[in-house]
PDB file of all heavy atoms in Angstrom:
ATOM      1  N   ALA A   1     -26.815  35.766 -15.582  1.00  0.00           N
ATOM      2  CA  ALA A   1     -26.370  35.723 -14.148  1.00  0.00           C
ATOM      3  C   ALA A   1     -27.597  35.693 -13.264  1.00  0.00           C
ATOM      4  O   ALA A   1     -27.585  34.929 -12.232  1.00  0.00           O
ATOM      5  CB  ALA A   1     -25.472  36.840 -13.873  1.00  0.00           C
ATOM      6  N   ARG A   2     -28.562  36.445 -13.570  1.00  0.00           N
ATOM      7  CA  ARG A   2     -29.716  36.563 -12.629  1.00  0.00           C
ATOM      8  C   ARG A   2     -30.530  35.219 -12.669  1.00  0.00           C
ATOM      9  O   ARG A   2     -31.249  34.842 -11.720  1.00  0.00           O
ATOM     10  CB  ARG A   2     -30.676  37.644 -13.002  1.00  0.00           C
ATOM     11  CG  ARG A   2     -30.097  39.059 -12.546  1.00  0.00           C
ATOM     12  CD  ARG A   2     -29.763  39.078 -11.031  1.00  0.00           C
ATOM     13  NE  ARG A   2     -30.884  38.847 -10.298  1.00  0.00           N
ATOM     14  CZ  ARG A   2     -30.928  38.181  -9.111  1.00  0.00           C
ATOM     15  NH1 ARG A   2     -29.834  37.620  -8.679  1.00  0.00           N
ATOM     16  NH2 ARG A   2     -32.034  38.049  -8.426  1.00  0.00           N
ATOM     17  N   GLU A   3     -30.607  34.575 -13.863  1.00  0.00           N
ATOM     18  CA  GLU A   3     -31.300  33.244 -13.948  1.00  0.00           C
ATOM     19  C   GLU A   3     -30.554  32.231 -13.041  1.00  0.00           C
ATOM     20  O   GLU A   3     -31.230  31.339 -12.534  1.00  0.00           O
ATOM     21  CB  GLU A   3     -31.219  32.833 -15.364  1.00  0.00           C
ATOM     22  CG  GLU A   3     -32.206  33.453 -16.337  1.00  0.00           C
ATOM     23  CD  GLU A   3     -32.133  33.049 -17.768  1.00  0.00           C
ATOM     24  OE1 GLU A   3     -31.140  32.216 -18.037  1.00  0.00           O
ATOM     25  OE2 GLU A   3     -33.035  33.432 -18.565  1.00  0.00           O
ATOM     26  N   ARG A   4     -29.243  32.464 -12.696  1.00  0.00           N
ATOM     27  CA  ARG A   4     -28.634  31.510 -11.815  1.00  0.00           C
ATOM     28  C   ARG A   4     -28.557  32.196 -10.448  1.00  0.00           C
ATOM     29  O   ARG A   4     -27.816  31.718  -9.547  1.00  0.00           O
ATOM     30  CB  ARG A   4     -27.254  31.329 -12.288  1.00  0.00           C
ATOM     31  CG  ARG A   4     -27.173  30.543 -13.587  1.00  0.00           C
ATOM     32  CD  ARG A   4     -25.719  30.363 -14.132  1.00  0.00           C
ATOM     33  NE  ARG A   4     -25.114  31.520 -14.701  1.00  0.00           N
ATOM     34  CZ  ARG A   4     -24.092  32.087 -14.187  1.00  0.00           C
ATOM     35  NH1 ARG A   4     -23.505  31.697 -13.120  1.00  0.00           N
ATOM     36  NH2 ARG A   4     -23.658  33.201 -14.818  1.00  0.00           N
ATOM     37  N   THR A   5     -29.479  33.214 -10.179  1.00  0.00           N
ATOM     38  CA  THR A   5     -29.573  33.877  -8.893  1.00  0.00           C
ATOM     39  C   THR A   5     -28.293  34.461  -8.366  1.00  0.00           C
ATOM     40  O   THR A   5     -28.073  34.560  -7.183  1.00  0.00           O
ATOM     41  CB  THR A   5     -30.306  32.990  -7.776  1.00  0.00           C
ATOM     42  OG1 THR A   5     -29.353  31.926  -7.508  1.00  0.00           O
ATOM     43  CG2 THR A   5     -31.585  32.480  -8.362  1.00  0.00           C
ATOM     44  N   VAL A   6     -27.411  34.930  -9.179  1.00  0.00           N
ATOM     45  CA  VAL A   6     -26.156  35.537  -8.869  1.00  0.00           C
ATOM     46  C   VAL A   6     -26.399  36.963  -8.455  1.00  0.00           C
ATOM     47  O   VAL A   6     -26.926  37.722  -9.273  1.00  0.00           O
ATOM     48  CB  VAL A   6     -25.133  35.382  -9.953  1.00  0.00           C
ATOM     49  CG1 VAL A   6     -23.866  36.183  -9.530  1.00  0.00           C
ATOM     50  CG2 VAL A   6     -24.764  34.007 -10.348  1.00  0.00           C
ATOM     51  N   PRO A   7     -26.084  37.394  -7.249  1.00  0.00           N
ATOM     52  CA  PRO A   7     -26.386  38.822  -6.923  1.00  0.00           C
ATOM     53  C   PRO A   7     -25.384  39.701  -7.755  1.00  0.00           C
ATOM     54  O   PRO A   7     -24.208  39.486  -7.913  1.00  0.00           O
ATOM     55  CB  PRO A   7     -25.883  38.870  -5.371  1.00  0.00           C
ATOM     56  CG  PRO A   7     -25.907  37.460  -4.994  1.00  0.00           C
ATOM     57  CD  PRO A   7     -25.602  36.641  -6.060  1.00  0.00           C
ATOM     58  N   ILE A   8     -25.903  40.767  -8.264  1.00  0.00           N
ATOM     59  CA  ILE A   8     -25.147  41.669  -9.116  1.00  0.00           C
ATOM     60  C   ILE A   8     -25.219  43.155  -8.578  1.00  0.00           C
ATOM     61  O   ILE A   8     -26.289  43.736  -8.321  1.00  0.00           O
ATOM     62  CB  ILE A   8     -25.866  41.699 -10.535  1.00  0.00           C
ATOM     63  CG1 ILE A   8     -25.985  40.309 -11.178  1.00  0.00           C
ATOM     64  CG2 ILE A   8     -25.007  42.672 -11.477  1.00  0.00           C
ATOM     65  CD1 ILE A   8     -24.550  39.714 -11.417  1.00  0.00           C
ATOM     66  N   SER A   9     -24.044  43.688  -8.483  1.00  0.00           N
ATOM     67  CA  SER A   9     -23.995  45.081  -7.969  1.00  0.00           C
ATOM     68  C   SER A   9     -23.701  46.028  -9.148  1.00  0.00           C
ATOM     69  O   SER A   9     -23.178  45.515 -10.253  1.00  0.00           O
ATOM     70  CB  SER A   9     -22.800  45.169  -6.949  1.00  0.00           C
ATOM     71  OG  SER A   9     -21.575  44.991  -7.491  1.00  0.00           O
ATOM     72  N   GLY A  10     -23.715  47.333  -8.870  1.00  0.00           N
ATOM     73  CA  GLY A  10     -23.395  48.230  -9.987  1.00  0.00           C
ATOM     74  C   GLY A  10     -21.942  48.135 -10.376  1.00  0.00           C
ATOM     75  O   GLY A  10     -21.591  48.257 -11.551  1.00  0.00           O
ATOM     76  N   GLN A  11     -21.046  47.941  -9.415  1.00  0.00           N
ATOM     77  CA  GLN A  11     -19.624  47.898  -9.700  1.00  0.00           C
ATOM     78  C   GLN A  11     -19.343  46.652 -10.522  1.00  0.00           C
ATOM     79  O   GLN A  11     -18.503  46.683 -11.582  1.00  0.00           O
ATOM     80  CB  GLN A  11     -18.814  47.789  -8.380  1.00  0.00           C
ATOM     81  CG  GLN A  11     -17.253  47.785  -8.582  1.00  0.00           C
ATOM     82  CD  GLN A  11     -16.843  49.053  -9.307  1.00  0.00           C
ATOM     83  OE1 GLN A  11     -17.295  50.142  -9.115  1.00  0.00           O
ATOM     84  NE2 GLN A  11     -15.872  48.918 -10.262  1.00  0.00           N
ATOM     85  N   ILE A  12     -20.028  45.536 -10.361  1.00  0.00           N
ATOM     86  CA  ILE A  12     -19.846  44.250 -11.136  1.00  0.00           C
ATOM     87  C   ILE A  12     -20.244  44.593 -12.534  1.00  0.00           C
ATOM     88  O   ILE A  12     -19.642  44.175 -13.576  1.00  0.00           O
ATOM     89  CB  ILE A  12     -20.628  43.124 -10.547  1.00  0.00           C
ATOM     90  CG1 ILE A  12     -20.065  42.670  -9.156  1.00  0.00           C
ATOM     91  CG2 ILE A  12     -20.722  41.915 -11.538  1.00  0.00           C
ATOM     92  CD1 ILE A  12     -20.806  41.591  -8.489  1.00  0.00           C
ATOM     93  N   ILE A  13     -21.409  45.227 -12.732  1.00  0.00           N
ATOM     94  CA  ILE A  13     -21.994  45.553 -14.072  1.00  0.00           C
ATOM     95  C   ILE A  13     -20.908  46.405 -14.852  1.00  0.00           C
ATOM     96  O   ILE A  13     -20.631  46.188 -15.984  1.00  0.00           O
ATOM     97  CB  ILE A  13     -23.272  46.323 -13.973  1.00  0.00           C
ATOM     98  CG1 ILE A  13     -24.350  45.372 -13.435  1.00  0.00           C
ATOM     99  CG2 ILE A  13     -23.716  46.832 -15.398  1.00  0.00           C
ATOM    100  CD1 ILE A  13     -25.668  45.955 -13.167  1.00  0.00           C
ATOM    101  N   ARG A  14     -20.348  47.437 -14.152  1.00  0.00           N
ATOM    102  CA  ARG A  14     -19.411  48.291 -14.795  1.00  0.00           C
ATOM    103  C   ARG A  14     -18.130  47.608 -15.263  1.00  0.00           C
ATOM    104  O   ARG A  14     -17.599  47.844 -16.280  1.00  0.00           O
ATOM    105  CB  ARG A  14     -19.105  49.498 -13.856  1.00  0.00           C
ATOM    106  CG  ARG A  14     -20.353  50.406 -13.651  1.00  0.00           C
ATOM    107  CD  ARG A  14     -20.047  51.410 -12.513  1.00  0.00           C
ATOM    108  NE  ARG A  14     -18.956  52.350 -12.867  1.00  0.00           N
ATOM    109  CZ  ARG A  14     -18.452  53.167 -11.933  1.00  0.00           C
ATOM    110  NH1 ARG A  14     -18.844  53.182 -10.688  1.00  0.00           N
ATOM    111  NH2 ARG A  14     -17.460  53.939 -12.325  1.00  0.00           N
ATOM    112  N   GLU A  15     -17.635  46.693 -14.340  1.00  0.00           N
ATOM    113  CA  GLU A  15     -16.482  46.021 -14.599  1.00  0.00           C
ATOM    114  C   GLU A  15     -16.618  45.039 -15.805  1.00  0.00           C
ATOM    115  O   GLU A  15     -15.795  44.878 -16.732  1.00  0.00           O
ATOM    116  CB  GLU A  15     -16.043  45.141 -13.436  1.00  0.00           C
ATOM    117  CG  GLU A  15     -15.500  46.017 -12.279  1.00  0.00           C
ATOM    118  CD  GLU A  15     -14.131  46.663 -12.640  1.00  0.00           C
ATOM    119  OE1 GLU A  15     -13.462  46.090 -13.579  1.00  0.00           O
ATOM    120  OE2 GLU A  15     -13.785  47.709 -11.992  1.00  0.00           O
ATOM    121  N   LYS A  16     -17.915  44.424 -15.928  1.00  0.00           N
ATOM    122  CA  LYS A  16     -18.236  43.510 -16.997  1.00  0.00           C
ATOM    123  C   LYS A  16     -18.293  44.289 -18.254  1.00  0.00           C
ATOM    124  O   LYS A  16     -17.940  43.844 -19.307  1.00  0.00           O
ATOM    125  CB  LYS A  16     -19.540  42.888 -16.659  1.00  0.00           C
ATOM    126  CG  LYS A  16     -19.791  41.575 -17.634  1.00  0.00           C
ATOM    127  CD  LYS A  16     -18.781  40.519 -17.238  1.00  0.00           C
ATOM    128  CE  LYS A  16     -18.866  39.339 -18.133  1.00  0.00           C
ATOM    129  NZ  LYS A  16     -17.889  38.268 -17.866  1.00  0.00           N
ATOM    130  N   ALA A  17     -18.852  45.494 -18.257  1.00  0.00           N
ATOM    131  CA  ALA A  17     -19.015  46.397 -19.353  1.00  0.00           C
ATOM    132  C   ALA A  17     -17.565  46.698 -19.934  1.00  0.00           C
ATOM    133  O   ALA A  17     -17.343  46.759 -21.163  1.00  0.00           O
ATOM    134  CB  ALA A  17     -19.722  47.677 -19.038  1.00  0.00           C
ATOM    135  N   LEU A  18     -16.595  46.945 -18.992  1.00  0.00           N
ATOM    136  CA  LEU A  18     -15.266  47.234 -19.452  1.00  0.00           C
ATOM    137  C   LEU A  18     -14.537  46.085 -20.112  1.00  0.00           C
ATOM    138  O   LEU A  18     -13.842  46.134 -21.099  1.00  0.00           O
ATOM    139  CB  LEU A  18     -14.425  47.666 -18.244  1.00  0.00           C
ATOM    140  CG  LEU A  18     -14.752  49.094 -17.669  1.00  0.00           C
ATOM    141  CD1 LEU A  18     -14.017  49.348 -16.296  1.00  0.00           C
ATOM    142  CD2 LEU A  18     -14.477  50.177 -18.642  1.00  0.00           C
ATOM    143  N   ASP A  19     -14.903  44.860 -19.602  1.00  0.00           N
ATOM    144  CA  ASP A  19     -14.434  43.532 -20.090  1.00  0.00           C
ATOM    145  C   ASP A  19     -14.890  43.498 -21.613  1.00  0.00           C
ATOM    146  O   ASP A  19     -14.111  43.100 -22.605  1.00  0.00           O
ATOM    147  CB  ASP A  19     -14.843  42.362 -19.388  1.00  0.00           C
ATOM    148  CG  ASP A  19     -14.175  42.247 -18.042  1.00  0.00           C
ATOM    149  OD1 ASP A  19     -13.026  42.864 -17.941  1.00  0.00           O
ATOM    150  OD2 ASP A  19     -14.652  41.530 -17.279  1.00  0.00           O
ATOM    151  N   PHE A  20     -16.237  43.734 -21.828  1.00  0.00           N
ATOM    152  CA  PHE A  20     -16.811  43.657 -23.164  1.00  0.00           C
ATOM    153  C   PHE A  20     -16.131  44.786 -24.091  1.00  0.00           C
ATOM    154  O   PHE A  20     -16.002  44.547 -25.296  1.00  0.00           O
ATOM    155  CB  PHE A  20     -18.294  43.849 -23.181  1.00  0.00           C
ATOM    156  CG  PHE A  20     -19.041  42.543 -22.627  1.00  0.00           C
ATOM    157  CD1 PHE A  20     -19.766  42.544 -21.602  1.00  0.00           C
ATOM    158  CD2 PHE A  20     -18.891  41.377 -23.387  1.00  0.00           C
ATOM    159  CE1 PHE A  20     -20.433  41.392 -21.082  1.00  0.00           C
ATOM    160  CE2 PHE A  20     -19.491  40.209 -22.977  1.00  0.00           C
ATOM    161  CZ  PHE A  20     -20.323  40.170 -21.844  1.00  0.00           C
ATOM    162  N   ALA A  21     -15.918  45.990 -23.523  1.00  0.00           N
ATOM    163  CA  ALA A  21     -15.224  46.949 -24.248  1.00  0.00           C
ATOM    164  C   ALA A  21     -13.882  46.628 -24.830  1.00  0.00           C
ATOM    165  O   ALA A  21     -13.621  46.903 -26.008  1.00  0.00           O
ATOM    166  CB  ALA A  21     -15.253  48.227 -23.395  1.00  0.00           C
ATOM    167  N   LYS A  22     -13.280  45.865 -24.037  1.00  0.00           N
ATOM    168  CA  LYS A  22     -11.810  45.375 -24.458  1.00  0.00           C
ATOM    169  C   LYS A  22     -12.085  44.350 -25.561  1.00  0.00           C
ATOM    170  O   LYS A  22     -11.344  44.389 -26.558  1.00  0.00           O
ATOM    171  CB  LYS A  22     -11.129  44.768 -23.296  1.00  0.00           C
ATOM    172  CG  LYS A  22     -10.703  45.811 -22.253  1.00  0.00           C
ATOM    173  CD  LYS A  22      -9.881  45.043 -21.146  1.00  0.00           C
ATOM    174  CE  LYS A  22      -9.422  46.154 -20.115  1.00  0.00           C
ATOM    175  NZ  LYS A  22      -8.752  45.383 -18.983  1.00  0.00           N
ATOM    176  N   GLN A  23     -13.090  43.481 -25.423  1.00  0.00           N
ATOM    177  CA  GLN A  23     -13.351  42.336 -26.385  1.00  0.00           C
ATOM    178  C   GLN A  23     -13.700  43.014 -27.739  1.00  0.00           C
ATOM    179  O   GLN A  23     -13.377  42.477 -28.830  1.00  0.00           O
ATOM    180  CB  GLN A  23     -14.365  41.466 -25.874  1.00  0.00           C
ATOM    181  CG  GLN A  23     -14.003  40.577 -24.699  1.00  0.00           C
ATOM    182  CD  GLN A  23     -15.129  39.714 -24.218  1.00  0.00           C
ATOM    183  OE1 GLN A  23     -15.838  39.204 -25.047  1.00  0.00           O
ATOM    184  NE2 GLN A  23     -15.207  39.593 -22.921  1.00  0.00           N
ATOM    185  N   PHE A  24     -14.566  44.106 -27.678  1.00  0.00           N
ATOM    186  CA  PHE A  24     -15.018  44.753 -28.908  1.00  0.00           C
ATOM    187  C   PHE A  24     -14.057  45.803 -29.466  1.00  0.00           C
ATOM    188  O   PHE A  24     -14.455  46.533 -30.312  1.00  0.00           O
ATOM    189  CB  PHE A  24     -16.479  45.326 -28.623  1.00  0.00           C
ATOM    190  CG  PHE A  24     -17.453  44.274 -28.244  1.00  0.00           C
ATOM    191  CD1 PHE A  24     -18.427  44.655 -27.317  1.00  0.00           C
ATOM    192  CD2 PHE A  24     -17.508  43.017 -28.757  1.00  0.00           C
ATOM    193  CE1 PHE A  24     -19.452  43.696 -26.964  1.00  0.00           C
ATOM    194  CE2 PHE A  24     -18.430  42.089 -28.371  1.00  0.00           C
ATOM    195  CZ  PHE A  24     -19.451  42.438 -27.550  1.00  0.00           C
ATOM    196  N   ASN A  25     -12.989  45.987 -28.745  1.00  0.00           N
ATOM    197  CA  ASN A  25     -12.005  46.981 -29.239  1.00  0.00           C
ATOM    198  C   ASN A  25     -12.575  48.387 -29.148  1.00  0.00           C
ATOM    199  O   ASN A  25     -12.630  49.056 -30.220  1.00  0.00           O
ATOM    200  CB  ASN A  25     -11.357  46.627 -30.590  1.00  0.00           C
ATOM    201  CG  ASN A  25     -10.176  47.452 -30.918  1.00  0.00           C
ATOM    202  OD1 ASN A  25      -9.415  47.835 -29.951  1.00  0.00           O
ATOM    203  ND2 ASN A  25      -9.935  47.736 -32.179  1.00  0.00           N
ATOM    204  N   GLU A  26     -13.183  48.779 -28.054  1.00  0.00           N
ATOM    205  CA  GLU A  26     -13.661  50.071 -27.780  1.00  0.00           C
ATOM    206  C   GLU A  26     -12.911  50.786 -26.718  1.00  0.00           C
ATOM    207  O   GLU A  26     -13.495  50.881 -25.591  1.00  0.00           O
ATOM    208  CB  GLU A  26     -15.229  49.952 -27.460  1.00  0.00           C
ATOM    209  CG  GLU A  26     -16.122  49.252 -28.440  1.00  0.00           C
ATOM    210  CD  GLU A  26     -16.478  50.179 -29.627  1.00  0.00           C
ATOM    211  OE1 GLU A  26     -15.982  51.325 -29.654  1.00  0.00           O
ATOM    212  OE2 GLU A  26     -17.347  49.767 -30.392  1.00  0.00           O
ATOM    213  N   PRO A  27     -11.799  51.264 -27.051  1.00  0.00           N
ATOM    214  CA  PRO A  27     -10.862  51.896 -25.979  1.00  0.00           C
ATOM    215  C   PRO A  27     -11.395  53.118 -25.402  1.00  0.00           C
ATOM    216  O   PRO A  27     -11.025  53.575 -24.408  1.00  0.00           O
ATOM    217  CB  PRO A  27      -9.605  52.159 -26.766  1.00  0.00           C
ATOM    218  CG  PRO A  27      -9.998  52.295 -28.224  1.00  0.00           C
ATOM    219  CD  PRO A  27     -11.176  51.338 -28.374  1.00  0.00           C
ATOM    220  N   ASP A  28     -12.359  53.834 -26.122  1.00  0.00           N
ATOM    221  CA  ASP A  28     -12.853  55.125 -25.667  1.00  0.00           C
ATOM    222  C   ASP A  28     -14.127  54.958 -24.701  1.00  0.00           C
ATOM    223  O   ASP A  28     -14.628  55.909 -24.100  1.00  0.00           O
ATOM    224  CB  ASP A  28     -13.351  55.986 -26.800  1.00  0.00           C
ATOM    225  CG  ASP A  28     -12.148  56.363 -27.711  1.00  0.00           C
ATOM    226  OD1 ASP A  28     -11.051  56.556 -27.085  1.00  0.00           O
ATOM    227  OD2 ASP A  28     -12.333  56.613 -28.877  1.00  0.00           O
ATOM    228  N   PHE A  29     -14.549  53.697 -24.567  1.00  0.00           N
ATOM    229  CA  PHE A  29     -15.783  53.558 -23.657  1.00  0.00           C
ATOM    230  C   PHE A  29     -15.380  53.661 -22.217  1.00  0.00           C
ATOM    231  O   PHE A  29     -14.404  53.287 -21.744  1.00  0.00           O
ATOM    232  CB  PHE A  29     -16.258  52.080 -23.976  1.00  0.00           C
ATOM    233  CG  PHE A  29     -17.344  51.639 -22.988  1.00  0.00           C
ATOM    234  CD1 PHE A  29     -18.656  52.160 -23.096  1.00  0.00           C
ATOM    235  CD2 PHE A  29     -17.092  50.952 -21.881  1.00  0.00           C
ATOM    236  CE1 PHE A  29     -19.689  51.803 -22.291  1.00  0.00           C
ATOM    237  CE2 PHE A  29     -18.124  50.485 -20.959  1.00  0.00           C
ATOM    238  CZ  PHE A  29     -19.492  51.011 -21.173  1.00  0.00           C
ATOM    239  N   LYS A  30     -16.252  54.411 -21.508  1.00  0.00           N
ATOM    240  CA  LYS A  30     -16.090  54.621 -20.129  1.00  0.00           C
ATOM    241  C   LYS A  30     -17.273  54.161 -19.435  1.00  0.00           C
ATOM    242  O   LYS A  30     -18.475  54.552 -19.591  1.00  0.00           O
ATOM    243  CB  LYS A  30     -15.980  56.123 -19.860  1.00  0.00           C
ATOM    244  CG  LYS A  30     -14.881  56.836 -20.606  1.00  0.00           C
ATOM    245  CD  LYS A  30     -13.483  56.411 -20.199  1.00  0.00           C
ATOM    246  CE  LYS A  30     -12.397  57.212 -20.980  1.00  0.00           C
ATOM    247  NZ  LYS A  30     -10.985  56.529 -20.745  1.00  0.00           N
ATOM    248  N   ALA A  31     -17.075  53.152 -18.489  1.00  0.00           N
ATOM    249  CA  ALA A  31     -18.178  52.554 -17.718  1.00  0.00           C
ATOM    250  C   ALA A  31     -18.432  53.422 -16.547  1.00  0.00           C
ATOM    251  O   ALA A  31     -18.236  52.987 -15.336  1.00  0.00           O
ATOM    252  CB  ALA A  31     -17.865  51.114 -17.228  1.00  0.00           C
ATOM    253  N   SER A  32     -18.960  54.660 -16.765  1.00  0.00           N
ATOM    254  CA  SER A  32     -19.106  55.625 -15.686  1.00  0.00           C
ATOM    255  C   SER A  32     -20.485  55.417 -14.953  1.00  0.00           C
ATOM    256  O   SER A  32     -21.242  54.506 -15.404  1.00  0.00           O
ATOM    257  CB  SER A  32     -19.166  57.034 -16.237  1.00  0.00           C
ATOM    258  OG  SER A  32     -20.220  57.212 -17.177  1.00  0.00           O
ATOM    259  N   GLU A  33     -20.659  56.125 -13.848  1.00  0.00           N
ATOM    260  CA  GLU A  33     -21.974  56.019 -13.150  1.00  0.00           C
ATOM    261  C   GLU A  33     -23.034  56.469 -14.069  1.00  0.00           C
ATOM    262  O   GLU A  33     -24.202  55.956 -13.985  1.00  0.00           O
ATOM    263  CB  GLU A  33     -21.887  56.843 -11.893  1.00  0.00           C
ATOM    264  CG  GLU A  33     -21.091  56.305 -10.744  1.00  0.00           C
ATOM    265  CD  GLU A  33     -21.734  55.129 -10.121  1.00  0.00           C
ATOM    266  OE1 GLU A  33     -22.922  54.825 -10.405  1.00  0.00           O
ATOM    267  OE2 GLU A  33     -21.108  54.402  -9.306  1.00  0.00           O
ATOM    268  N   GLY A  34     -22.831  57.499 -14.913  1.00  0.00           N
ATOM    269  CA  GLY A  34     -23.782  58.080 -15.826  1.00  0.00           C
ATOM    270  C   GLY A  34     -24.174  56.960 -16.798  1.00  0.00           C
ATOM    271  O   GLY A  34     -25.377  56.800 -17.142  1.00  0.00           O
TER     272      GLY A  34
END
């Protein structure tokens, strides 16, 4: 995304992490601030 100069916020990163968690079948993963 950064190679394409797309601005990335923390919320976008967390949402993307949750998307990958669903793909990898990781229901216990929490994309928290921590």
